[in-house]
Every structure is written in C-alpha cells, then in structure tokens.
C-alpha cells in the first residue's frame, strides 16, 4: 500500500513541524506544541491528527489519573523516524519554493546583488 500523501505545508503546519524538529526525540503534548508554534488548540490538534495519519507522528495518552493531577490526561506526540526525515525535507522544499518566489518578485533580494 502506498504511503499517504504528505500534508499541505501551510504556515501553521510548518510552525508545528519546526517545533517538533527542535527536539525530535522528545515527546510533547498538544498545548505545549501549540505554545511553541504560537497556535491555539483548535488549530494545532487537527494538524497533529493529519501528521499522525500520514505516519510522521506517533502519540500516546499519559498514564495519569486526572483526579490526582488536577488536570485532564495529556496526549503526547513524537516524530517517527520517517517523520523526522519527511518533515525536514518538507520544510526545506517549502523554503526553496519561497526563495524561488522571492527571486522572481524581487531578483535583487534572492541573489544578494543590487
């Protein structure tokens, strides 16, 4: 079965991937990632679900009793090994595409010349 298509590289998706790649082996919970990416919960969780659906993320619920912690259980996310590779490549492609657009619109800015 072929791999699902890569998610669209919107600004919020890129912000989430950047936050995840800042420490790719570390588990982070949704609100923590939202804060790092500068995004609200309603934006971050659909992105995390899409990234998990394409296999770039894995998640788990913490084993904590909400009555003991005084808060809801957290769902922790971490990039998979493939996710690290694909996320990095997707961000590089996005930056390269952005540089091409800048080069067409403002040729002097992209090449460093006048």
PDB file of N, CA and C in Angstrom:
ATOM      1  N   UNK A   1       0.847  -1.180   0.000  1.00  0.00           N
ATOM      2  CA  UNK A   1       0.000   0.000   0.000  1.00  0.00           C
ATOM      3  C   UNK A   1       0.894   1.245   0.000  1.00  0.00           C
ATOM      4  N   UNK A   2       0.659   2.203  -0.906  1.00  0.00           N
ATOM      5  CA  UNK A   2       1.499   3.407  -0.940  1.00  0.00           C
ATOM      6  C   UNK A   2       1.269   4.277   0.295  1.00  0.00           C
ATOM      7  N   UNK A   3       2.308   5.041   0.608  1.00  0.00           N
ATOM      8  CA  UNK A   3       2.212   5.962   1.755  1.00  0.00           C
ATOM      9  C   UNK A   3       1.190   7.047   1.459  1.00  0.00           C
ATOM     10  N   UNK A   4       0.499   7.524   2.490  1.00  0.00           N
ATOM     11  CA  UNK A   4      -0.454   8.614   2.272  1.00  0.00           C
ATOM     12  C   UNK A   4       0.292   9.857   1.795  1.00  0.00           C
ATOM     13  N   UNK A   5      -0.399  10.734   1.075  1.00  0.00           N
ATOM     14  CA  UNK A   5       0.279  11.936   0.602  1.00  0.00           C
ATOM     15  C   UNK A   5       0.702  12.822   1.769  1.00  0.00           C
ATOM     16  N   UNK A   6       1.760  13.553   1.553  1.00  0.00           N
ATOM     17  CA  UNK A   6       2.257  14.473   2.574  1.00  0.00           C
ATOM     18  C   UNK A   6       1.212  15.554   2.839  1.00  0.00           C
ATOM     19  N   UNK A   7       1.165  16.049   4.070  1.00  0.00           N
ATOM     20  CA  UNK A   7       0.202  17.111   4.376  1.00  0.00           C
ATOM     21  C   UNK A   7       0.586  18.412   3.670  1.00  0.00           C
ATOM     22  N   UNK A   8      -0.419  19.255   3.454  1.00  0.00           N
ATOM     23  CA  UNK A   8      -0.150  20.586   2.878  1.00  0.00           C
ATOM     24  C   UNK A   8       0.751  21.362   3.819  1.00  0.00           C
ATOM     25  N   UNK A   9       1.693  22.074   3.263  1.00  0.00           N
ATOM     26  CA  UNK A   9       2.635  22.832   4.076  1.00  0.00           C
ATOM     27  C   UNK A   9       2.132  24.263   4.301  1.00  0.00           C
ATOM     28  N   UNK A  10       1.087  24.382   5.099  1.00  0.00           N
ATOM     29  CA  UNK A  10       0.576  25.693   5.473  1.00  0.00           C
ATOM     30  C   UNK A  10       1.521  26.309   6.507  1.00  0.00           C
ATOM     31  N   UNK A  11       1.369  27.590   6.759  1.00  0.00           N
ATOM     32  CA  UNK A  11       2.203  28.230   7.787  1.00  0.00           C
ATOM     33  C   UNK A  11       2.025  27.555   9.145  1.00  0.00           C
ATOM     34  N   UNK A  12       0.777  27.254   9.572  1.00  0.00           N
ATOM     35  CA  UNK A  12       0.638  26.555  10.855  1.00  0.00           C
ATOM     36  C   UNK A  12       1.293  25.168  10.863  1.00  0.00           C
ATOM     37  N   UNK A  13       1.176  24.427   9.768  1.00  0.00           N
ATOM     38  CA  UNK A  13       1.809  23.107   9.710  1.00  0.00           C
ATOM     39  C   UNK A  13       3.322  23.241   9.808  1.00  0.00           C
ATOM     40  N   UNK A  14       3.876  24.212   9.105  1.00  0.00           N
ATOM     41  CA  UNK A  14       5.329  24.430   9.180  1.00  0.00           C
ATOM     42  C   UNK A  14       5.756  24.822  10.594  1.00  0.00           C
ATOM     43  N   UNK A  15       4.937  25.625  11.278  1.00  0.00           N
ATOM     44  CA  UNK A  15       5.260  26.016  12.652  1.00  0.00           C
ATOM     45  C   UNK A  15       5.260  24.806  13.582  1.00  0.00           C
ATOM     46  N   UNK A  16       4.299  23.906  13.399  1.00  0.00           N
ATOM     47  CA  UNK A  16       4.234  22.693  14.218  1.00  0.00           C
ATOM     48  C   UNK A  16       5.436  21.800  13.932  1.00  0.00           C
ATOM     49  N   UNK A  17       5.763  21.610  12.668  1.00  0.00           N
ATOM     50  CA  UNK A  17       6.916  20.767  12.318  1.00  0.00           C
ATOM     51  C   UNK A  17       8.212  21.360  12.857  1.00  0.00           C
ATOM     52  N   UNK A  18       8.343  22.666  12.791  1.00  0.00           N
ATOM     53  CA  UNK A  18       9.534  23.322  13.327  1.00  0.00           C
ATOM     54  C   UNK A  18       9.636  23.078  14.830  1.00  0.00           C
ATOM     55  N   UNK A  19       8.511  23.191  15.536  1.00  0.00           N
ATOM     56  CA  UNK A  19       8.508  22.937  16.977  1.00  0.00           C
ATOM     57  C   UNK A  19       8.878  21.484  17.274  1.00  0.00           C
ATOM     58  N   UNK A  20       8.337  20.550  16.504  1.00  0.00           N
ATOM     59  CA  UNK A  20       8.647  19.136  16.705  1.00  0.00           C
ATOM     60  C   UNK A  20      10.115  18.842  16.397  1.00  0.00           C
ATOM     61  N   UNK A  21      10.634  19.445  15.351  1.00  0.00           N
ATOM     62  CA  UNK A  21      12.023  19.192  14.956  1.00  0.00           C
ATOM     63  C   UNK A  21      13.038  19.859  15.885  1.00  0.00           C
ATOM     64  N   UNK A  22      12.590  20.778  16.730  1.00  0.00           N
ATOM     65  CA  UNK A  22      13.524  21.429  17.655  1.00  0.00           C
ATOM     66  C   UNK A  22      14.128  20.418  18.629  1.00  0.00           C
ATOM     67  N   UNK A  23      13.408  19.340  18.893  1.00  0.00           N
ATOM     68  CA  UNK A  23      13.900  18.245  19.730  1.00  0.00           C
ATOM     69  C   UNK A  23      13.139  16.987  19.305  1.00  0.00           C
ATOM     70  N   UNK A  24      13.522  16.398  18.163  1.00  0.00           N
ATOM     71  CA  UNK A  24      12.705  15.363  17.538  1.00  0.00           C
ATOM     72  C   UNK A  24      12.459  14.103  18.367  1.00  0.00           C
ATOM     73  N   UNK A  25      13.301  13.774  19.289  1.00  0.00           N
ATOM     74  CA  UNK A  25      13.110  12.566  20.078  1.00  0.00           C
ATOM     75  C   UNK A  25      12.250  12.768  21.312  1.00  0.00           C
ATOM     76  N   UNK A  26      11.956  14.011  21.633  1.00  0.00           N
ATOM     77  CA  UNK A  26      11.211  14.314  22.859  1.00  0.00           C
ATOM     78  C   UNK A  26       9.715  14.279  22.619  1.00  0.00           C
ATOM     79  N   UNK A  27       8.986  13.681  23.542  1.00  0.00           N
ATOM     80  CA  UNK A  27       7.531  13.715  23.490  1.00  0.00           C
ATOM     81  C   UNK A  27       7.054  15.077  23.990  1.00  0.00           C
ATOM     82  N   UNK A  28       6.073  15.628  23.271  1.00  0.00           N
ATOM     83  CA  UNK A  28       5.489  16.905  23.659  1.00  0.00           C
ATOM     84  C   UNK A  28       3.974  16.768  23.591  1.00  0.00           C
ATOM     85  N   UNK A  29       3.280  17.403  24.514  1.00  0.00           N
ATOM     86  CA  UNK A  29       1.829  17.321  24.477  1.00  0.00           C
ATOM     87  C   UNK A  29       1.263  18.482  23.666  1.00  0.00           C
ATOM     88  N   UNK A  30       0.008  18.338  23.261  1.00  0.00           N
ATOM     89  CA  UNK A  30      -0.602  19.268  22.315  1.00  0.00           C
ATOM     90  C   UNK A  30      -0.507  20.728  22.682  1.00  0.00           C
ATOM     91  N   UNK A  31      -0.884  21.088  23.918  1.00  0.00           N
ATOM     92  CA  UNK A  31      -0.844  22.503  24.298  1.00  0.00           C
ATOM     93  C   UNK A  31       0.587  23.030  24.338  1.00  0.00           C
ATOM     94  N   UNK A  32       1.523  22.189  24.708  1.00  0.00           N
ATOM     95  CA  UNK A  32       2.945  22.559  24.716  1.00  0.00           C
ATOM     96  C   UNK A  32       3.413  22.862  23.279  1.00  0.00           C
ATOM     97  N   UNK A  33       3.022  22.007  22.350  1.00  0.00           N
ATOM     98  CA  UNK A  33       3.370  22.227  20.948  1.00  0.00           C
ATOM     99  C   UNK A  33       2.694  23.483  20.407  1.00  0.00           C
ATOM    100  N   UNK A  34       1.444  23.686  20.805  1.00  0.00           N
ATOM    101  CA  UNK A  34       0.733  24.886  20.376  1.00  0.00           C
ATOM    102  C   UNK A  34       1.430  26.147  20.833  1.00  0.00           C
ATOM    103  N   UNK A  35       1.885  26.149  22.073  1.00  0.00           N
ATOM    104  CA  UNK A  35       2.602  27.311  22.597  1.00  0.00           C
ATOM    105  C   UNK A  35       3.912  27.523  21.842  1.00  0.00           C
ATOM    106  N   UNK A  36       4.636  26.445  21.586  1.00  0.00           N
ATOM    107  CA  UNK A  36       5.913  26.546  20.860  1.00  0.00           C
ATOM    108  C   UNK A  36       5.706  27.042  19.435  1.00  0.00           C
ATOM    109  N   UNK A  37       4.591  26.636  18.825  1.00  0.00           N
ATOM    110  CA  UNK A  37       4.301  27.027  17.438  1.00  0.00           C
ATOM    111  C   UNK A  37       3.529  28.345  17.357  1.00  0.00           C
ATOM    112  N   UNK A  38       3.067  28.841  18.506  1.00  0.00           N
ATOM    113  CA  UNK A  38       2.286  30.069  18.518  1.00  0.00           C
ATOM    114  C   UNK A  38       0.882  29.875  17.962  1.00  0.00           C
ATOM    115  N   UNK A  39       0.293  28.700  18.213  1.00  0.00           N
ATOM    116  CA  UNK A  39      -1.022  28.371  17.655  1.00  0.00           C
ATOM    117  C   UNK A  39      -1.997  27.952  18.747  1.00  0.00           C
ATOM    118  N   UNK A  40      -3.279  28.257  18.566  1.00  0.00           N
ATOM    119  CA  UNK A  40      -4.281  27.823  19.547  1.00  0.00           C
ATOM    120  C   UNK A  40      -4.610  26.337  19.408  1.00  0.00           C
ATOM    121  N   UNK A  41      -5.195  25.785  20.440  1.00  0.00           N
ATOM    122  CA  UNK A  41      -5.550  24.369  20.482  1.00  0.00           C
ATOM    123  C   UNK A  41      -6.412  23.943  19.295  1.00  0.00           C
ATOM    124  N   UNK A  42      -7.354  24.767  18.915  1.00  0.00           N
ATOM    125  CA  UNK A  42      -8.242  24.419  17.808  1.00  0.00           C
ATOM    126  C   UNK A  42      -7.532  24.323  16.475  1.00  0.00           C
ATOM    127  N   UNK A  43      -6.360  24.912  16.383  1.00  0.00           N
ATOM    128  CA  UNK A  43      -5.561  24.837  15.160  1.00  0.00           C
ATOM    129  C   UNK A  43      -4.565  23.688  15.238  1.00  0.00           C
ATOM    130  N   UNK A  44      -3.943  23.514  16.375  1.00  0.00           N
ATOM    131  CA  UNK A  44      -2.853  22.538  16.488  1.00  0.00           C
ATOM    132  C   UNK A  44      -3.336  21.094  16.430  1.00  0.00           C
ATOM    133  N   UNK A  45      -4.446  20.783  17.080  1.00  0.00           N
ATOM    134  CA  UNK A  45      -4.862  19.386  17.148  1.00  0.00           C
ATOM    135  C   UNK A  45      -5.247  18.790  15.791  1.00  0.00           C
ATOM    136  N   UNK A  46      -5.931  19.507  14.910  1.00  0.00           N
ATOM    137  CA  UNK A  46      -6.170  18.937  13.573  1.00  0.00           C
ATOM    138  C   UNK A  46      -4.868  18.697  12.794  1.00  0.00           C
ATOM    139  N   UNK A  47      -3.899  19.576  12.974  1.00  0.00           N
ATOM    140  CA  UNK A  47      -2.603  19.393  12.302  1.00  0.00           C
ATOM    141  C   UNK A  47      -1.921  18.134  12.844  1.00  0.00           C
ATOM    142  N   UNK A  48      -1.922  17.977  14.165  1.00  0.00           N
ATOM    143  CA  UNK A  48      -1.310  16.784  14.756  1.00  0.00           C
ATOM    144  C   UNK A  48      -1.996  15.516  14.264  1.00  0.00           C
ATOM    145  N   UNK A  49      -3.308  15.552  14.139  1.00  0.00           N
ATOM    146  CA  UNK A  49      -4.040  14.383  13.636  1.00  0.00           C
ATOM    147  C   UNK A  49      -3.641  14.066  12.198  1.00  0.00           C
ATOM    148  N   UNK A  50      -3.488  15.092  11.356  1.00  0.00           N
ATOM    149  CA  UNK A  50      -3.072  14.857   9.960  1.00  0.00           C
ATOM    150  C   UNK A  50      -1.660  14.289   9.904  1.00  0.00           C
ATOM    151  N   UNK A  51      -0.751  14.841  10.716  1.00  0.00           N
ATOM    152  CA  UNK A  51       0.628  14.347  10.716  1.00  0.00           C
ATOM    153  C   UNK A  51       0.703  12.904  11.216  1.00  0.00           C
ATOM    154  N   UNK A  52      -0.140  12.572  12.172  1.00  0.00           N
ATOM    155  CA  UNK A  52      -0.174  11.189  12.649  1.00  0.00           C
ATOM    156  C   UNK A  52      -0.766  10.270  11.582  1.00  0.00           C
ATOM    157  N   UNK A  53      -1.761  10.746  10.863  1.00  0.00           N
ATOM    158  CA  UNK A  53      -2.412   9.919   9.823  1.00  0.00           C
ATOM    159  C   UNK A  53      -1.455   9.567   8.692  1.00  0.00           C
ATOM    160  N   UNK A  54      -0.493  10.448   8.400  1.00  0.00           N
ATOM    161  CA  UNK A  54       0.472  10.142   7.330  1.00  0.00           C
ATOM    162  C   UNK A  54       1.714   9.426   7.867  1.00  0.00           C
ATOM    163  N   UNK A  55       1.733   9.147   9.167  1.00  0.00           N
ATOM    164  CA  UNK A  55       2.835   8.380   9.738  1.00  0.00           C
ATOM    165  C   UNK A  55       4.026   9.189  10.182  1.00  0.00           C
ATOM    166  N   UNK A  56       3.895  10.515  10.203  1.00  0.00           N
ATOM    167  CA  UNK A  56       5.019  11.348  10.626  1.00  0.00           C
ATOM    168  C   UNK A  56       5.103  11.471  12.140  1.00  0.00           C
ATOM    169  N   UNK A  57       3.987  11.219  12.819  1.00  0.00           N
ATOM    170  CA  UNK A  57       3.924  11.327  14.274  1.00  0.00           C
ATOM    171  C   UNK A  57       3.390  10.039  14.862  1.00  0.00           C
ATOM    172  N   UNK A  58       3.775   9.806  16.105  1.00  0.00           N
ATOM    173  CA  UNK A  58       3.133   8.780  16.905  1.00  0.00           C
ATOM    174  C   UNK A  58       2.682   9.470  18.187  1.00  0.00           C
ATOM    175  N   UNK A  59       1.638   8.929  18.794  1.00  0.00           N
ATOM    176  CA  UNK A  59       1.134   9.559  20.009  1.00  0.00           C
ATOM    177  C   UNK A  59       0.759   8.500  21.028  1.00  0.00           C
ATOM    178  N   UNK A  60       0.621   8.964  22.253  1.00  0.00           N
ATOM    179  CA  UNK A  60       0.175   8.094  23.339  1.00  0.00           C
ATOM    180  C   UNK A  60      -0.470   8.966  24.399  1.00  0.00           C
ATOM    181  N   UNK A  61      -1.428   8.379  25.105  1.00  0.00           N
ATOM    182  CA  UNK A  61      -2.032   9.048  26.245  1.00  0.00           C
ATOM    183  C   UNK A  61      -1.173   8.775  27.464  1.00  0.00           C
ATOM    184  N   UNK A  62      -0.987   9.780  28.299  1.00  0.00           N
ATOM    185  CA  UNK A  62      -0.224   9.559  29.524  1.00  0.00           C
ATOM    186  C   UNK A  62      -1.023   8.685  30.485  1.00  0.00           C
ATOM    187  N   UNK A  63      -0.311   7.980  31.338  1.00  0.00           N
ATOM    188  CA  UNK A  63      -0.947   7.164  32.377  1.00  0.00           C
ATOM    189  C   UNK A  63      -1.013   7.998  33.643  1.00  0.00           C
ATOM    190  N   UNK A  64      -1.993   8.865  33.696  1.00  0.00           N
ATOM    191  CA  UNK A  64      -2.159   9.717  34.870  1.00  0.00           C
ATOM    192  C   UNK A  64      -3.643   9.799  35.194  1.00  0.00           C
ATOM    193  N   UNK A  65      -3.923   9.852  36.460  1.00  0.00           N
ATOM    194  CA  UNK A  65      -5.299   9.972  36.915  1.00  0.00           C
ATOM    195  C   UNK A  65      -5.630  11.459  37.022  1.00  0.00           C
ATOM    196  N   UNK A  66      -6.595  11.939  36.239  1.00  0.00           N
ATOM    197  CA  UNK A  66      -6.953  13.357  36.305  1.00  0.00           C
ATOM    198  C   UNK A  66      -7.314  13.826  37.715  1.00  0.00           C
ATOM    199  N   UNK A  67      -7.880  12.945  38.531  1.00  0.00           N
ATOM    200  CA  UNK A  67      -8.222  13.328  39.905  1.00  0.00           C
ATOM    201  C   UNK A  67      -6.960  13.598  40.721  1.00  0.00           C
ATOM    202  N   UNK A  68      -5.901  12.864  40.422  1.00  0.00           N
ATOM    203  CA  UNK A  68      -4.641  13.056  41.153  1.00  0.00           C
ATOM    204  C   UNK A  68      -3.851  14.250  40.626  1.00  0.00           C
ATOM    205  N   UNK A  69      -3.850  14.437  39.304  1.00  0.00           N
ATOM    206  CA  UNK A  69      -3.062  15.528  38.720  1.00  0.00           C
ATOM    207  C   UNK A  69      -3.800  16.856  38.719  1.00  0.00           C
ATOM    208  N   UNK A  70      -5.134  16.808  38.837  1.00  0.00           N
ATOM    209  CA  UNK A  70      -5.917  18.040  38.821  1.00  0.00           C
ATOM    210  C   UNK A  70      -6.070  18.634  37.435  1.00  0.00           C
ATOM    211  N   UNK A  71      -5.865  17.807  36.405  1.00  0.00           N
ATOM    212  CA  UNK A  71      -5.991  18.258  35.014  1.00  0.00           C
ATOM    213  C   UNK A  71      -6.333  17.055  34.151  1.00  0.00           C
ATOM    214  N   UNK A  72      -6.828  17.307  32.953  1.00  0.00           N
ATOM    215  CA  UNK A  72      -7.096  16.181  32.039  1.00  0.00           C
ATOM    216  C   UNK A  72      -5.798  15.464  31.653  1.00  0.00           C
ATOM    217  N   UNK A  73      -5.947  14.202  31.252  1.00  0.00           N
ATOM    218  CA  UNK A  73      -4.775  13.466  30.747  1.00  0.00           C
ATOM    219  C   UNK A  73      -4.233  14.164  29.511  1.00  0.00           C
ATOM    220  N   UNK A  74      -2.940  14.057  29.315  1.00  0.00           N
ATOM    221  CA  UNK A  74      -2.295  14.658  28.149  1.00  0.00           C
ATOM    222  C   UNK A  74      -2.011  13.588  27.103  1.00  0.00           C
ATOM    223  N   UNK A  75      -2.110  14.012  25.853  1.00  0.00           N
ATOM    224  CA  UNK A  75      -1.708  13.138  24.752  1.00  0.00           C
ATOM    225  C   UNK A  75      -0.348  13.642  24.287  1.00  0.00           C
ATOM    226  N   UNK A  76       0.623  12.756  24.294  1.00  0.00           N
ATOM    227  CA  UNK A  76       1.986  13.117  23.911  1.00  0.00           C
ATOM    228  C   UNK A  76       2.268  12.695  22.474  1.00  0.00           C
ATOM    229  N   UNK A  77       2.996  13.550  21.776  1.00  0.00           N
ATOM    230  CA  UNK A  77       3.330  13.334  20.371  1.00  0.00           C
ATOM    231  C   UNK A  77       4.844  13.343  20.209  1.00  0.00           C
ATOM    232  N   UNK A  78       5.303  12.526  19.265  1.00  0.00           N
ATOM    233  CA  UNK A  78       6.728  12.496  18.922  1.00  0.00           C
ATOM    234  C   UNK A  78       6.835  12.133  17.451  1.00  0.00           C
ATOM    235  N   UNK A  79       7.794  12.743  16.785  1.00  0.00           N
ATOM    236  CA  UNK A  79       8.047  12.400  15.386  1.00  0.00           C
ATOM    237  C   UNK A  79       8.535  10.963  15.285  1.00  0.00           C
ATOM    238  N   UNK A  80       8.073  10.254  14.262  1.00  0.00           N
ATOM    239  CA  UNK A  80       8.617   8.931  13.966  1.00  0.00           C
ATOM    240  C   UNK A  80       9.951   9.139  13.245  1.00  0.00           C
ATOM    241  N   UNK A  81      10.704   8.068  13.065  1.00  0.00           N
ATOM    242  CA  UNK A  81      11.966   8.181  12.323  1.00  0.00           C
ATOM    243  C   UNK A  81      11.690   8.695  10.907  1.00  0.00           C
ATOM    244  N   UNK A  82      10.661   8.145  10.254  1.00  0.00           N
ATOM    245  CA  UNK A  82      10.287   8.640   8.924  1.00  0.00           C
ATOM    246  C   UNK A  82       9.817  10.083   8.997  1.00  0.00           C
ATOM    247  N   UNK A  83       9.110  10.414  10.072  1.00  0.00           N
ATOM    248  CA  UNK A  83       8.611  11.770  10.238  1.00  0.00           C
ATOM    249  C   UNK A  83       9.726  12.790  10.315  1.00  0.00           C
ATOM    250  N   UNK A  84      10.811  12.446  10.995  1.00  0.00           N
ATOM    251  CA  UNK A  84      11.960  13.362  11.076  1.00  0.00           C
ATOM    252  C   UNK A  84      12.488  13.646   9.673  1.00  0.00           C
ATOM    253  N   UNK A  85      12.642  12.588   8.882  1.00  0.00           N
ATOM    254  CA  UNK A  85      13.165  12.724   7.520  1.00  0.00           C
ATOM    255  C   UNK A  85      12.199  13.525   6.649  1.00  0.00           C
ATOM    256  N   UNK A  86      10.923  13.134   6.661  1.00  0.00           N
ATOM    257  CA  UNK A  86       9.934  13.780   5.800  1.00  0.00           C
ATOM    258  C   UNK A  86       9.656  15.220   6.218  1.00  0.00           C
ATOM    259  N   UNK A  87       9.591  15.471   7.517  1.00  0.00           N
ATOM    260  CA  UNK A  87       9.330  16.834   7.995  1.00  0.00           C
ATOM    261  C   UNK A  87      10.476  17.764   7.613  1.00  0.00           C
ATOM    262  N   UNK A  88      11.699  17.311   7.817  1.00  0.00           N
ATOM    263  CA  UNK A  88      12.848  18.133   7.439  1.00  0.00           C
ATOM    264  C   UNK A  88      12.870  18.418   5.951  1.00  0.00           C
ATOM    265  N   UNK A  89      12.613  17.393   5.159  1.00  0.00           N
ATOM    266  CA  UNK A  89      12.595  17.571   3.703  1.00  0.00           C
ATOM    267  C   UNK A  89      11.466  18.506   3.275  1.00  0.00           C
ATOM    268  N   UNK A  90      10.298  18.365   3.887  1.00  0.00           N
ATOM    269  CA  UNK A  90       9.162  19.220   3.536  1.00  0.00           C
ATOM    270  C   UNK A  90       9.453  20.681   3.864  1.00  0.00           C
ATOM    271  N   UNK A  91      10.079  20.926   5.010  1.00  0.00           N
ATOM    272  CA  UNK A  91      10.417  22.305   5.370  1.00  0.00           C
ATOM    273  C   UNK A  91      11.474  22.879   4.425  1.00  0.00           C
ATOM    274  N   UNK A  92      12.444  22.060   4.032  1.00  0.00           N
ATOM    275  CA  UNK A  92      13.465  22.533   3.084  1.00  0.00           C
ATOM    276  C   UNK A  92      12.841  22.844   1.723  1.00  0.00           C
ATOM    277  N   UNK A  93      11.934  21.974   1.253  1.00  0.00           N
ATOM    278  CA  UNK A  93      11.253  22.234  -0.022  1.00  0.00           C
ATOM    279  C   UNK A  93      10.431  23.517   0.049  1.00  0.00           C
ATOM    280  N   UNK A  94       9.777  23.716   1.162  1.00  0.00           N
ATOM    281  CA  UNK A  94       8.963  24.912   1.337  1.00  0.00           C
ATOM    282  C   UNK A  94       9.828  26.170   1.298  1.00  0.00           C
ATOM    283  N   UNK A  95      10.954  26.118   1.957  1.00  0.00           N
ATOM    284  CA  UNK A  95      11.869  27.277   1.949  1.00  0.00           C
ATOM    285  C   UNK A  95      12.452  27.508   0.558  1.00  0.00           C
ATOM    286  N   UNK A  96      12.766  26.436  -0.153  1.00  0.00           N
ATOM    287  CA  UNK A  96      13.288  26.571  -1.516  1.00  0.00           C
ATOM    288  C   UNK A  96      12.243  27.183  -2.432  1.00  0.00           C
ATOM    289  N   UNK A  97      10.989  26.748  -2.288  1.00  0.00           N
ATOM    290  CA  UNK A  97       9.908  27.318  -3.105  1.00  0.00           C
ATOM    291  C   UNK A  97       9.717  28.789  -2.780  1.00  0.00           C
ATOM    292  N   UNK A  98       9.805  29.129  -1.510  1.00  0.00           N
ATOM    293  CA  UNK A  98       9.675  30.530  -1.093  1.00  0.00           C
ATOM    294  C   UNK A  98      10.810  31.365  -1.697  1.00  0.00           C
ATOM    295  N   UNK A  99      12.017  30.831  -1.684  1.00  0.00           N
ATOM    296  CA  UNK A  99      13.162  31.551  -2.246  1.00  0.00           C
ATOM    297  C   UNK A  99      12.984  31.776  -3.745  1.00  0.00           C
ATOM    298  N   UNK A 100      12.415  30.799  -4.451  1.00  0.00           N
ATOM    299  CA  UNK A 100      12.166  30.962  -5.888  1.00  0.00           C
ATOM    300  C   UNK A 100      11.167  32.080  -6.145  1.00  0.00           C
ATOM    301  N   UNK A 101      10.126  32.125  -5.326  1.00  0.00           N
ATOM    302  CA  UNK A 101       9.121  33.176  -5.484  1.00  0.00           C
ATOM    303  C   UNK A 101       9.742  34.544  -5.228  1.00  0.00           C
ATOM    304  N   UNK A 102      10.521  34.643  -4.175  1.00  0.00           N
ATOM    305  CA  UNK A 102      11.186  35.912  -3.864  1.00  0.00           C
ATOM    306  C   UNK A 102      12.112  36.301  -5.006  1.00  0.00           C
ATOM    307  N   UNK A 103      12.810  35.319  -5.580  1.00  0.00           N
ATOM    308  CA  UNK A 103      13.746  35.609  -6.677  1.00  0.00           C
ATOM    309  C   UNK A 103      13.000  36.153  -7.901  1.00  0.00           C
ATOM    310  N   UNK A 104      11.793  35.660  -8.145  1.00  0.00           N
ATOM    311  CA  UNK A 104      11.014  36.163  -9.281  1.00  0.00           C
ATOM    312  C   UNK A 104      10.433  37.535  -9.010  1.00  0.00           C
ATOM    313  N   UNK A 105       9.994  37.745  -7.796  1.00  0.00           N
ATOM    314  CA  UNK A 105       9.345  39.009  -7.463  1.00  0.00           C
ATOM    315  C   UNK A 105      10.362  40.113  -7.210  1.00  0.00           C
ATOM    316  N   UNK A 106      11.436  39.765  -6.525  1.00  0.00           N
ATOM    317  CA  UNK A 106      12.473  40.753  -6.180  1.00  0.00           C
ATOM    318  C   UNK A 106      13.836  40.135  -6.454  1.00  0.00           C
ATOM    319  N   UNK A 107      14.278  40.144  -7.688  1.00  0.00           N
ATOM    320  CA  UNK A 107      15.515  39.470  -8.051  1.00  0.00           C
ATOM    321  C   UNK A 107      16.731  39.897  -7.221  1.00  0.00           C
ATOM    322  N   UNK A 108      16.828  41.132  -6.854  1.00  0.00           N
ATOM    323  CA  UNK A 108      17.985  41.607  -6.106  1.00  0.00           C
ATOM    324  C   UNK A 108      18.063  41.015  -4.700  1.00  0.00           C
ATOM    325  N   UNK A 109      16.929  40.670  -4.099  1.00  0.00           N
ATOM    326  CA  UNK A 109      16.928  40.125  -2.742  1.00  0.00           C
ATOM    327  C   UNK A 109      17.398  38.681  -2.702  1.00  0.00           C
ATOM    328  N   UNK A 110      17.026  37.896  -3.674  1.00  0.00           N
ATOM    329  CA  UNK A 110      17.343  36.470  -3.651  1.00  0.00           C
ATOM    330  C   UNK A 110      18.811  36.203  -3.902  1.00  0.00           C
ATOM    331  N   UNK A 111      19.413  36.945  -4.800  1.00  0.00           N
ATOM    332  CA  UNK A 111      20.799  36.674  -5.151  1.00  0.00           C
ATOM    333  C   UNK A 111      21.801  37.470  -4.360  1.00  0.00           C
ATOM    334  N   UNK A 112      21.337  38.371  -3.528  1.00  0.00           N
ATOM    335  CA  UNK A 112      22.258  39.180  -2.738  1.00  0.00           C
ATOM    336  C   UNK A 112      22.839  40.339  -3.513  1.00  0.00           C
ATOM    337  N   UNK A 113      22.504  40.441  -4.803  1.00  0.00           N
ATOM    338  CA  UNK A 113      23.032  41.551  -5.605  1.00  0.00           C
ATOM    339  C   UNK A 113      22.095  42.741  -5.588  1.00  0.00           C
ATOM    340  N   UNK A 114      22.488  43.787  -6.310  1.00  0.00           N
ATOM    341  CA  UNK A 114      21.681  45.000  -6.338  1.00  0.00           C
ATOM    342  C   UNK A 114      20.770  45.037  -7.529  1.00  0.00           C
TER     343      UNK A 114
END
